[in-house]
Amino acid sequence: MNQKDRPMPPLIAFAGTLGALAVVRWVYRTAVQINRELEEARLARVAEAARSSDIQTLRRDPVTGAYRPG
């Protein structure tokens, strides 16, 4: 029997599949963690801006009906 005619041993194929699944799981968990950290940073930034007195409210102009800062 020639080396080219032999199929891949099942143990090696199984080990490769397990390794690929481990990598996919790691990538998924890393992506979830990064998204969680980004969301926390975004919420902290929004909360900081809401506490600030720099945010102006909009008031309706009675003459034109348009909303303007004030």
C-alpha atoms as a PDB file:
ATOM      1  CA  MET A   1       0.000   0.000   0.000  1.00  0.00           C
ATOM      2  CA  ASN A   2       1.307   3.416  -0.951  1.00  0.00           C
ATOM      3  CA  GLN A   3       1.396   6.370   1.494  1.00  0.00           C
ATOM      4  CA  LYS A   4      -0.853   8.378  -0.833  1.00  0.00           C
ATOM      5  CA  ASP A   5      -3.600   5.746  -0.677  1.00  0.00           C
ATOM      6  CA  ARG A   6      -3.845   5.685   3.128  1.00  0.00           C
ATOM      7  CA  PRO A   7      -6.595   7.806   4.685  1.00  0.00           C
ATOM      8  CA  MET A   8      -5.924  10.131   7.605  1.00  0.00           C
ATOM      9  CA  PRO A   9      -5.966   8.258  10.892  1.00  0.00           C
ATOM     10  CA  PRO A  10      -9.215   8.947  12.782  1.00  0.00           C
ATOM     11  CA  LEU A  11      -7.395  10.007  15.948  1.00  0.00           C
ATOM     12  CA  ILE A  12      -5.587  12.820  14.122  1.00  0.00           C
ATOM     13  CA  ALA A  13      -8.817  13.980  12.475  1.00  0.00           C
ATOM     14  CA  PHE A  14     -10.593  13.933  15.847  1.00  0.00           C
ATOM     15  CA  ALA A  15      -7.766  15.868  17.516  1.00  0.00           C
ATOM     16  CA  GLY A  16      -7.849  18.458  14.723  1.00  0.00           C
ATOM     17  CA  THR A  17     -11.601  18.858  15.139  1.00  0.00           C
ATOM     18  CA  LEU A  18     -11.255  19.337  18.897  1.00  0.00           C
ATOM     19  CA  GLY A  19      -8.499  21.904  18.360  1.00  0.00           C
ATOM     20  CA  ALA A  20     -10.626  23.828  15.874  1.00  0.00           C
ATOM     21  CA  LEU A  21     -13.568  23.842  18.286  1.00  0.00           C
ATOM     22  CA  ALA A  22     -11.317  25.124  21.066  1.00  0.00           C
ATOM     23  CA  VAL A  23     -10.119  27.978  18.857  1.00  0.00           C
ATOM     24  CA  VAL A  24     -13.681  28.902  17.851  1.00  0.00           C
ATOM     25  CA  ARG A  25     -14.764  28.895  21.508  1.00  0.00           C
ATOM     26  CA  TRP A  26     -11.820  31.109  22.480  1.00  0.00           C
ATOM     27  CA  VAL A  27     -12.550  33.578  19.669  1.00  0.00           C
ATOM     28  CA  TYR A  28     -16.236  33.724  20.641  1.00  0.00           C
ATOM     29  CA  ARG A  29     -15.501  34.346  24.315  1.00  0.00           C
ATOM     30  CA  THR A  30     -12.934  37.014  23.456  1.00  0.00           C
ATOM     31  CA  ALA A  31     -15.405  38.785  21.164  1.00  0.00           C
ATOM     32  CA  VAL A  32     -18.107  38.724  23.856  1.00  0.00           C
ATOM     33  CA  GLN A  33     -15.670  40.099  26.443  1.00  0.00           C
ATOM     34  CA  ILE A  34     -14.493  42.901  24.146  1.00  0.00           C
ATOM     35  CA  ASN A  35     -18.091  43.850  23.294  1.00  0.00           C
ATOM     36  CA  ARG A  36     -18.976  43.892  27.009  1.00  0.00           C
ATOM     37  CA  GLU A  37     -16.044  46.194  27.774  1.00  0.00           C
ATOM     38  CA  LEU A  38     -16.942  48.505  24.895  1.00  0.00           C
ATOM     39  CA  GLU A  39     -20.566  48.668  26.052  1.00  0.00           C
ATOM     40  CA  GLU A  40     -19.479  49.501  29.610  1.00  0.00           C
ATOM     41  CA  ALA A  41     -17.216  52.265  28.310  1.00  0.00           C
ATOM     42  CA  ARG A  42     -20.015  53.645  26.134  1.00  0.00           C
ATOM     43  CA  LEU A  43     -22.489  53.627  29.037  1.00  0.00           C
ATOM     44  CA  ALA A  44     -19.959  55.323  31.320  1.00  0.00           C
ATOM     45  CA  ARG A  45     -19.413  58.029  28.733  1.00  0.00           C
ATOM     46  CA  VAL A  46     -23.161  58.578  28.324  1.00  0.00           C
ATOM     47  CA  ALA A  47     -23.648  58.697  32.107  1.00  0.00           C
ATOM     48  CA  GLU A  48     -20.806  61.210  32.431  1.00  0.00           C
ATOM     49  CA  ALA A  49     -22.338  63.432  29.764  1.00  0.00           C
ATOM     50  CA  ALA A  50     -25.747  63.210  31.443  1.00  0.00           C
ATOM     51  CA  ARG A  51     -24.295  64.414  34.749  1.00  0.00           C
ATOM     52  CA  SER A  52     -22.617  67.332  33.073  1.00  0.00           C
ATOM     53  CA  SER A  53     -24.377  70.670  33.078  1.00  0.00           C
ATOM     54  CA  ASP A  54     -23.079  71.310  29.553  1.00  0.00           C
ATOM     55  CA  ILE A  55     -26.091  69.634  27.982  1.00  0.00           C
ATOM     56  CA  GLN A  56     -28.599  72.209  26.888  1.00  0.00           C
ATOM     57  CA  THR A  57     -32.275  71.447  26.660  1.00  0.00           C
ATOM     58  CA  LEU A  58     -34.301  72.344  23.629  1.00  0.00           C
ATOM     59  CA  ARG A  59     -37.146  74.809  24.002  1.00  0.00           C
ATOM     60  CA  ARG A  60     -39.814  75.491  21.462  1.00  0.00           C
ATOM     61  CA  ASP A  61     -39.833  78.939  19.905  1.00  0.00           C
ATOM     62  CA  PRO A  62     -43.461  80.129  20.114  1.00  0.00           C
ATOM     63  CA  VAL A  63     -43.149  82.249  16.960  1.00  0.00           C
ATOM     64  CA  THR A  64     -41.623  79.744  14.549  1.00  0.00           C
ATOM     65  CA  GLY A  65     -42.431  76.466  16.323  1.00  0.00           C
ATOM     66  CA  ALA A  66     -38.840  75.317  15.895  1.00  0.00           C
ATOM     67  CA  TYR A  67     -36.895  73.801  18.772  1.00  0.00           C
ATOM     68  CA  ARG A  68     -33.806  75.748  19.805  1.00  0.00           C
ATOM     69  CA  PRO A  69     -31.225  75.370  22.583  1.00  0.00           C
ATOM     70  CA  GLY A  70     -32.027  77.507  25.507  1.00  0.00           C
END
